[in-house]
Amino acid sequence: MSTALQAVERTEFRNSALTKIRREGNIPAVVYGNKLETKPIYINGADFVKIMREVGRNGVFPLDLNGKQVNVMLTDYQADAIKNEVIHADLLAVDMRKEIQADVRISLLGEAIGVKDGGVLQQSLHEVSVTSTPSNIPQVIEVDISHLEVGGTITIADLKTNNFEINHDSEQTIASILPPKVEEEIDSGEEQEEGVPTQEEGRETEAESKES
């Protein structure tokens, strides 16, 4: 398991205090769950990024809180889109023997036969909720779509699960191949076929014939 991430309890909650924490390279956070009273903390930003690269989005890592280590998972975070930095994190203390729920990203693999034939790939579901013990929650669920033909679909029932349960209806669609788009020719009425009179021209010709 990874080296424990050091946590320091926060006692100041003014905006100026949060700004100071972030300016010093730290991330404000909260830790809660598993009979642990919710505590506002801050953690070192660089150490946090390093650990997340090691364990992944749904990975479990130790957090050192007041000299006591607890196993935690990242459940949510806020990021500064401009600086591409995490500015707040929610950490859930977990019991490795008890099941929890977590969101897992779905990754589609391969190029579908239907797409090669001109079809359009539509991914209706990008992540799923799963239930399992913390150590058995996957980082990503990979789905091979290379066999999908036009009109074909992949549903929750098609997913292979080992040590986790998916909390969705088995018939819910994950991805499908739509038929090729057919461009409809819209007649603007401005162009006429050569040699074919318009309705108005036809009336004028008929009137001229009667007069003569």
C-alpha atoms as a PDB file:
ATOM      1  CA  MET A   1       0.000   0.000   0.000  1.00  0.00           C
ATOM      2  CA  SER A   2       1.081   3.571  -0.647  1.00  0.00           C
ATOM      3  CA  THR A   3       2.855   5.771   1.875  1.00  0.00           C
ATOM      4  CA  ALA A   4       0.350   7.472   4.155  1.00  0.00           C
ATOM      5  CA  LEU A   5      -0.810  10.908   3.083  1.00  0.00           C
ATOM      6  CA  GLN A   6      -0.361  13.392   5.911  1.00  0.00           C
ATOM      7  CA  ALA A   7      -3.462  15.332   6.960  1.00  0.00           C
ATOM      8  CA  VAL A   8      -3.610  18.448   9.139  1.00  0.00           C
ATOM      9  CA  GLU A   9      -6.848  19.510  10.807  1.00  0.00           C
ATOM     10  CA  ARG A  10      -8.198  22.911   9.795  1.00  0.00           C
ATOM     11  CA  THR A  11      -9.300  25.325  12.469  1.00  0.00           C
ATOM     12  CA  GLU A  12      -9.658  28.465  10.353  1.00  0.00           C
ATOM     13  CA  PHE A  13     -12.450  28.588   7.808  1.00  0.00           C
ATOM     14  CA  ARG A  14     -12.310  32.111   6.448  1.00  0.00           C
ATOM     15  CA  ASN A  15     -11.638  32.606   2.754  1.00  0.00           C
ATOM     16  CA  SER A  16      -8.296  34.152   3.584  1.00  0.00           C
ATOM     17  CA  ALA A  17      -7.291  30.972   5.436  1.00  0.00           C
ATOM     18  CA  LEU A  18      -8.270  28.798   2.462  1.00  0.00           C
ATOM     19  CA  THR A  19      -6.343  31.066   0.112  1.00  0.00           C
ATOM     20  CA  LYS A  20      -3.260  30.757   2.318  1.00  0.00           C
ATOM     21  CA  ILE A  21      -3.555  26.957   2.386  1.00  0.00           C
ATOM     22  CA  ARG A  22      -3.730  26.771  -1.404  1.00  0.00           C
ATOM     23  CA  ARG A  23      -0.959  29.318  -1.886  1.00  0.00           C
ATOM     24  CA  GLU A  24       1.329  27.066   0.161  1.00  0.00           C
ATOM     25  CA  GLY A  25       0.659  24.119  -2.163  1.00  0.00           C
ATOM     26  CA  ASN A  26      -1.939  22.381  -0.026  1.00  0.00           C
ATOM     27  CA  ILE A  27      -5.527  21.273  -0.715  1.00  0.00           C
ATOM     28  CA  PRO A  28      -8.440  21.899   1.681  1.00  0.00           C
ATOM     29  CA  ALA A  29     -10.391  18.687   2.233  1.00  0.00           C
ATOM     30  CA  VAL A  30     -12.817  16.844   4.481  1.00  0.00           C
ATOM     31  CA  VAL A  31     -12.612  13.251   5.715  1.00  0.00           C
ATOM     32  CA  TYR A  32     -15.690  11.377   6.922  1.00  0.00           C
ATOM     33  CA  GLY A  33     -17.304   7.943   7.194  1.00  0.00           C
ATOM     34  CA  ASN A  34     -16.712   4.613   8.964  1.00  0.00           C
ATOM     35  CA  LYS A  35     -17.698   5.968  12.407  1.00  0.00           C
ATOM     36  CA  LEU A  36     -15.311   8.875  11.914  1.00  0.00           C
ATOM     37  CA  GLU A  37     -16.590  12.324  12.788  1.00  0.00           C
ATOM     38  CA  THR A  38     -16.397  14.606   9.769  1.00  0.00           C
ATOM     39  CA  LYS A  39     -13.171  16.564  10.002  1.00  0.00           C
ATOM     40  CA  PRO A  40     -11.995  19.512   7.885  1.00  0.00           C
ATOM     41  CA  ILE A  41      -8.361  18.976   6.952  1.00  0.00           C
ATOM     42  CA  TYR A  42      -5.775  19.961   4.396  1.00  0.00           C
ATOM     43  CA  ILE A  43      -3.299  17.772   2.539  1.00  0.00           C
ATOM     44  CA  ASN A  44      -0.180  18.400   0.479  1.00  0.00           C
ATOM     45  CA  GLY A  45      -1.130  18.887  -3.159  1.00  0.00           C
ATOM     46  CA  ALA A  46       1.931  17.246  -4.707  1.00  0.00           C
ATOM     47  CA  ASP A  47       1.696  14.205  -2.420  1.00  0.00           C
ATOM     48  CA  PHE A  48      -2.020  13.871  -3.187  1.00  0.00           C
ATOM     49  CA  VAL A  49      -1.450  13.907  -6.963  1.00  0.00           C
ATOM     50  CA  LYS A  50       1.347  11.343  -6.610  1.00  0.00           C
ATOM     51  CA  ILE A  51      -0.829   8.955  -4.605  1.00  0.00           C
ATOM     52  CA  MET A  52      -3.786   9.294  -6.969  1.00  0.00           C
ATOM     53  CA  ARG A  53      -1.508   8.383  -9.876  1.00  0.00           C
ATOM     54  CA  GLU A  54      -0.450   5.288  -7.960  1.00  0.00           C
ATOM     55  CA  VAL A  55      -3.838   4.004  -6.781  1.00  0.00           C
ATOM     56  CA  GLY A  56      -6.226   5.450  -9.392  1.00  0.00           C
ATOM     57  CA  ARG A  57      -9.527   7.287  -9.096  1.00  0.00           C
ATOM     58  CA  ASN A  58     -11.216   4.569  -6.990  1.00  0.00           C
ATOM     59  CA  GLY A  59      -8.122   3.380  -5.179  1.00  0.00           C
ATOM     60  CA  VAL A  60      -7.725   3.104  -1.419  1.00  0.00           C
ATOM     61  CA  PHE A  61      -4.800   4.772   0.348  1.00  0.00           C
ATOM     62  CA  PRO A  62      -3.802   5.439   3.974  1.00  0.00           C
ATOM     63  CA  LEU A  63      -4.356   8.853   5.508  1.00  0.00           C
ATOM     64  CA  ASP A  64      -2.408   9.866   8.618  1.00  0.00           C
ATOM     65  CA  LEU A  65      -4.767  11.880  10.797  1.00  0.00           C
ATOM     66  CA  ASN A  66      -3.425  13.011  14.157  1.00  0.00           C
ATOM     67  CA  GLY A  67      -0.988  10.097  14.226  1.00  0.00           C
ATOM     68  CA  LYS A  68      -3.674   7.526  13.414  1.00  0.00           C
ATOM     69  CA  GLN A  69      -3.913   5.915   9.992  1.00  0.00           C
ATOM     70  CA  VAL A  70      -7.254   5.358   8.284  1.00  0.00           C
ATOM     71  CA  ASN A  71      -7.944   3.919   4.837  1.00  0.00           C
ATOM     72  CA  VAL A  72      -9.677   6.425   2.576  1.00  0.00           C
ATOM     73  CA  MET A  73     -10.988   6.843  -0.968  1.00  0.00           C
ATOM     74  CA  LEU A  74     -11.518   9.991  -2.995  1.00  0.00           C
ATOM     75  CA  THR A  75     -15.284  10.397  -3.429  1.00  0.00           C
ATOM     76  CA  ASP A  76     -15.471  13.887  -4.909  1.00  0.00           C
ATOM     77  CA  TYR A  77     -13.302  16.865  -5.743  1.00  0.00           C
ATOM     78  CA  GLN A  78     -13.392  20.398  -7.105  1.00  0.00           C
ATOM     79  CA  ALA A  79     -10.889  21.626  -9.655  1.00  0.00           C
ATOM     80  CA  ASP A  80      -9.744  24.943 -11.053  1.00  0.00           C
ATOM     81  CA  ALA A  81     -10.254  24.468 -14.791  1.00  0.00           C
ATOM     82  CA  ILE A  82      -7.856  27.286 -15.691  1.00  0.00           C
ATOM     83  CA  LYS A  83      -4.977  26.138 -13.492  1.00  0.00           C
ATOM     84  CA  ASN A  84      -5.875  22.439 -13.836  1.00  0.00           C
ATOM     85  CA  GLU A  85      -5.490  21.997 -10.085  1.00  0.00           C
ATOM     86  CA  VAL A  86      -7.600  20.285  -7.421  1.00  0.00           C
ATOM     87  CA  ILE A  87      -8.846  22.930  -4.984  1.00  0.00           C
ATOM     88  CA  HIS A  88     -10.927  20.728  -2.650  1.00  0.00           C
ATOM     89  CA  ALA A  89     -11.281  17.002  -1.967  1.00  0.00           C
ATOM     90  CA  ASP A  90     -13.752  14.759  -0.154  1.00  0.00           C
ATOM     91  CA  LEU A  91     -12.201  11.652   1.388  1.00  0.00           C
ATOM     92  CA  LEU A  92     -14.263   8.700   2.616  1.00  0.00           C
ATOM     93  CA  ALA A  93     -12.859   6.559   5.416  1.00  0.00           C
ATOM     94  CA  VAL A  94     -13.631   2.922   4.571  1.00  0.00           C
ATOM     95  CA  ASP A  95     -13.761  -0.469   6.243  1.00  0.00           C
ATOM     96  CA  MET A  96     -12.006  -2.834   3.841  1.00  0.00           C
ATOM     97  CA  ARG A  97     -14.420  -5.635   4.832  1.00  0.00           C
ATOM     98  CA  LYS A  98     -17.632  -3.712   4.122  1.00  0.00           C
ATOM     99  CA  GLU A  99     -19.233  -3.002   0.765  1.00  0.00           C
ATOM    100  CA  ILE A 100     -19.584   0.550  -0.494  1.00  0.00           C
ATOM    101  CA  GLN A 101     -20.894   2.206  -3.630  1.00  0.00           C
ATOM    102  CA  ALA A 102     -18.698   4.017  -6.134  1.00  0.00           C
ATOM    103  CA  ASP A 103     -18.948   5.411  -9.670  1.00  0.00           C
ATOM    104  CA  VAL A 104     -16.791   3.694 -12.295  1.00  0.00           C
ATOM    105  CA  ARG A 105     -15.976   5.070 -15.744  1.00  0.00           C
ATOM    106  CA  ILE A 106     -16.844   3.041 -18.858  1.00  0.00           C
ATOM    107  CA  SER A 107     -14.232   2.892 -21.629  1.00  0.00           C
ATOM    108  CA  LEU A 108     -15.188   1.653 -25.105  1.00  0.00           C
ATOM    109  CA  LEU A 109     -12.482  -0.354 -26.881  1.00  0.00           C
ATOM    110  CA  GLY A 110     -12.009  -1.011 -30.570  1.00  0.00           C
ATOM    111  CA  GLU A 111     -13.699   0.286 -33.717  1.00  0.00           C
ATOM    112  CA  ALA A 112     -17.140  -1.143 -34.342  1.00  0.00           C
ATOM    113  CA  ILE A 113     -17.875  -2.937 -37.625  1.00  0.00           C
ATOM    114  CA  GLY A 114     -20.982  -0.784 -37.912  1.00  0.00           C
ATOM    115  CA  VAL A 115     -18.909   2.400 -37.783  1.00  0.00           C
ATOM    116  CA  LYS A 116     -16.703   1.121 -40.607  1.00  0.00           C
ATOM    117  CA  ASP A 117     -19.907   0.570 -42.582  1.00  0.00           C
ATOM    118  CA  GLY A 118     -20.949   4.175 -42.065  1.00  0.00           C
ATOM    119  CA  GLY A 119     -22.927   3.848 -38.845  1.00  0.00           C
ATOM    120  CA  VAL A 120     -22.690   6.321 -35.971  1.00  0.00           C
ATOM    121  CA  LEU A 121     -21.502   5.278 -32.500  1.00  0.00           C
ATOM    122  CA  GLN A 122     -23.625   6.607 -29.657  1.00  0.00           C
ATOM    123  CA  GLN A 123     -22.483   6.123 -26.056  1.00  0.00           C
ATOM    124  CA  SER A 124     -25.477   6.588 -23.774  1.00  0.00           C
ATOM    125  CA  LEU A 125     -23.762   5.715 -20.487  1.00  0.00           C
ATOM    126  CA  HIS A 126     -20.284   6.945 -19.531  1.00  0.00           C
ATOM    127  CA  GLU A 127     -20.115   5.633 -15.961  1.00  0.00           C
ATOM    128  CA  VAL A 128     -21.953   3.205 -13.719  1.00  0.00           C
ATOM    129  CA  SER A 129     -22.540   2.864 -10.000  1.00  0.00           C
ATOM    130  CA  VAL A 130     -21.142  -0.346  -8.496  1.00  0.00           C
ATOM    131  CA  THR A 131     -21.255  -2.006  -5.085  1.00  0.00           C
ATOM    132  CA  SER A 132     -18.313  -3.960  -3.696  1.00  0.00           C
ATOM    133  CA  THR A 133     -15.675  -4.002  -1.011  1.00  0.00           C
ATOM    134  CA  PRO A 134     -13.173  -1.146  -1.526  1.00  0.00           C
ATOM    135  CA  SER A 135     -10.369  -3.332  -2.849  1.00  0.00           C
ATOM    136  CA  ASN A 136     -12.597  -4.894  -5.531  1.00  0.00           C
ATOM    137  CA  ILE A 137     -13.946  -1.702  -7.065  1.00  0.00           C
ATOM    138  CA  PRO A 138     -12.481  -1.412 -10.594  1.00  0.00           C
ATOM    139  CA  GLN A 139     -10.789   1.738 -11.813  1.00  0.00           C
ATOM    140  CA  VAL A 140     -12.506   1.454 -15.192  1.00  0.00           C
ATOM    141  CA  ILE A 141     -14.829  -0.983 -16.952  1.00  0.00           C
ATOM    142  CA  GLU A 142     -13.611  -1.716 -20.470  1.00  0.00           C
ATOM    143  CA  VAL A 143     -16.156  -2.713 -23.116  1.00  0.00           C
ATOM    144  CA  ASP A 144     -15.143  -4.184 -26.489  1.00  0.00           C
ATOM    145  CA  ILE A 145     -17.392  -2.777 -29.232  1.00  0.00           C
ATOM    146  CA  SER A 146     -15.457  -4.033 -32.264  1.00  0.00           C
ATOM    147  CA  HIS A 147     -18.125  -6.671 -33.050  1.00  0.00           C
ATOM    148  CA  LEU A 148     -21.049  -4.220 -33.042  1.00  0.00           C
ATOM    149  CA  GLU A 149     -22.872  -3.911 -36.364  1.00  0.00           C
ATOM    150  CA  VAL A 150     -25.329  -1.215 -37.443  1.00  0.00           C
ATOM    151  CA  GLY A 151     -28.366  -1.467 -35.187  1.00  0.00           C
ATOM    152  CA  GLY A 152     -26.421  -3.354 -32.528  1.00  0.00           C
ATOM    153  CA  THR A 153     -26.388  -2.372 -28.851  1.00  0.00           C
ATOM    154  CA  ILE A 154     -24.494  -3.163 -25.675  1.00  0.00           C
ATOM    155  CA  THR A 155     -26.418  -3.155 -22.411  1.00  0.00           C
ATOM    156  CA  ILE A 156     -25.594  -3.523 -18.728  1.00  0.00           C
ATOM    157  CA  ALA A 157     -26.353  -7.229 -19.046  1.00  0.00           C
ATOM    158  CA  ASP A 158     -23.417  -7.600 -21.439  1.00  0.00           C
ATOM    159  CA  LEU A 159     -20.855  -6.413 -18.890  1.00  0.00           C
ATOM    160  CA  LYS A 160     -18.665  -8.946 -17.173  1.00  0.00           C
ATOM    161  CA  THR A 161     -18.534  -8.510 -13.402  1.00  0.00           C
ATOM    162  CA  ASN A 162     -16.270 -10.419 -11.087  1.00  0.00           C
ATOM    163  CA  ASN A 163     -16.304  -9.161  -7.530  1.00  0.00           C
ATOM    164  CA  PHE A 164     -18.699  -6.254  -7.854  1.00  0.00           C
ATOM    165  CA  GLU A 165     -22.378  -5.620  -8.559  1.00  0.00           C
ATOM    166  CA  ILE A 166     -23.658  -2.997 -10.994  1.00  0.00           C
ATOM    167  CA  ASN A 167     -26.489  -0.882  -9.632  1.00  0.00           C
ATOM    168  CA  HIS A 168     -28.349  -0.367 -12.924  1.00  0.00           C
ATOM    169  CA  ASP A 169     -31.175  -2.028 -14.819  1.00  0.00           C
ATOM    170  CA  SER A 170     -29.739  -4.899 -16.862  1.00  0.00           C
ATOM    171  CA  GLU A 171     -31.491  -3.632 -20.010  1.00  0.00           C
ATOM    172  CA  GLN A 172     -30.042  -0.101 -19.831  1.00  0.00           C
ATOM    173  CA  THR A 173     -28.140   0.726 -23.016  1.00  0.00           C
ATOM    174  CA  ILE A 174     -24.457   1.596 -22.811  1.00  0.00           C
ATOM    175  CA  ALA A 175     -23.637   2.026 -26.492  1.00  0.00           C
ATOM    176  CA  SER A 176     -25.299   1.501 -29.855  1.00  0.00           C
ATOM    177  CA  ILE A 177     -24.557   1.892 -33.556  1.00  0.00           C
ATOM    178  CA  LEU A 178     -27.071   4.105 -35.314  1.00  0.00           C
ATOM    179  CA  PRO A 179     -27.804   3.755 -39.046  1.00  0.00           C
ATOM    180  CA  PRO A 180     -25.860   6.042 -41.419  1.00  0.00           C
ATOM    181  CA  LYS A 181     -27.294   9.544 -41.675  1.00  0.00           C
ATOM    182  CA  VAL A 182     -29.072  10.183 -44.976  1.00  0.00           C
ATOM    183  CA  GLU A 183     -28.863  13.738 -46.201  1.00  0.00           C
ATOM    184  CA  GLU A 184     -32.284  14.920 -47.300  1.00  0.00           C
ATOM    185  CA  GLU A 185     -32.388  17.097 -50.396  1.00  0.00           C
ATOM    186  CA  ILE A 186     -34.605  20.046 -49.675  1.00  0.00           C
ATOM    187  CA  ASP A 187     -36.135  21.713 -52.709  1.00  0.00           C
ATOM    188  CA  SER A 188     -35.918  25.437 -52.110  1.00  0.00           C
ATOM    189  CA  GLY A 189     -38.276  26.133 -54.973  1.00  0.00           C
ATOM    190  CA  GLU A 190     -35.754  28.479 -56.500  1.00  0.00           C
ATOM    191  CA  GLU A 191     -34.407  26.054 -59.082  1.00  0.00           C
ATOM    192  CA  GLN A 192     -36.548  24.368 -61.732  1.00  0.00           C
ATOM    193  CA  GLU A 193     -35.705  21.642 -64.155  1.00  0.00           C
ATOM    194  CA  GLU A 194     -34.843  22.942 -67.617  1.00  0.00           C
ATOM    195  CA  GLY A 195     -37.815  22.870 -70.006  1.00  0.00           C
ATOM    196  CA  VAL A 196     -40.407  22.339 -67.258  1.00  0.00           C
ATOM    197  CA  PRO A 197     -42.603  25.427 -66.744  1.00  0.00           C
ATOM    198  CA  THR A 198     -43.627  26.525 -63.293  1.00  0.00           C
ATOM    199  CA  GLN A 199     -47.275  26.351 -62.305  1.00  0.00           C
ATOM    200  CA  GLU A 200     -47.585  30.116 -62.769  1.00  0.00           C
ATOM    201  CA  GLU A 201     -45.978  29.941 -66.201  1.00  0.00           C
ATOM    202  CA  GLY A 202     -48.398  27.186 -67.128  1.00  0.00           C
ATOM    203  CA  ARG A 203     -51.363  29.363 -66.262  1.00  0.00           C
ATOM    204  CA  GLU A 204     -49.989  32.267 -68.348  1.00  0.00           C
ATOM    205  CA  THR A 205     -49.453  29.997 -71.373  1.00  0.00           C
ATOM    206  CA  GLU A 206     -52.983  28.612 -71.087  1.00  0.00           C
ATOM    207  CA  ALA A 207     -54.446  32.132 -70.917  1.00  0.00           C
ATOM    208  CA  GLU A 208     -52.517  33.205 -74.023  1.00  0.00           C
ATOM    209  CA  SER A 209     -53.825  30.201 -75.939  1.00  0.00           C
ATOM    210  CA  LYS A 210     -57.441  31.097 -75.121  1.00  0.00           C
ATOM    211  CA  GLU A 211     -56.951  34.705 -76.219  1.00  0.00           C
ATOM    212  CA  SER A 212     -55.584  33.625 -79.556  1.00  0.00           C
END
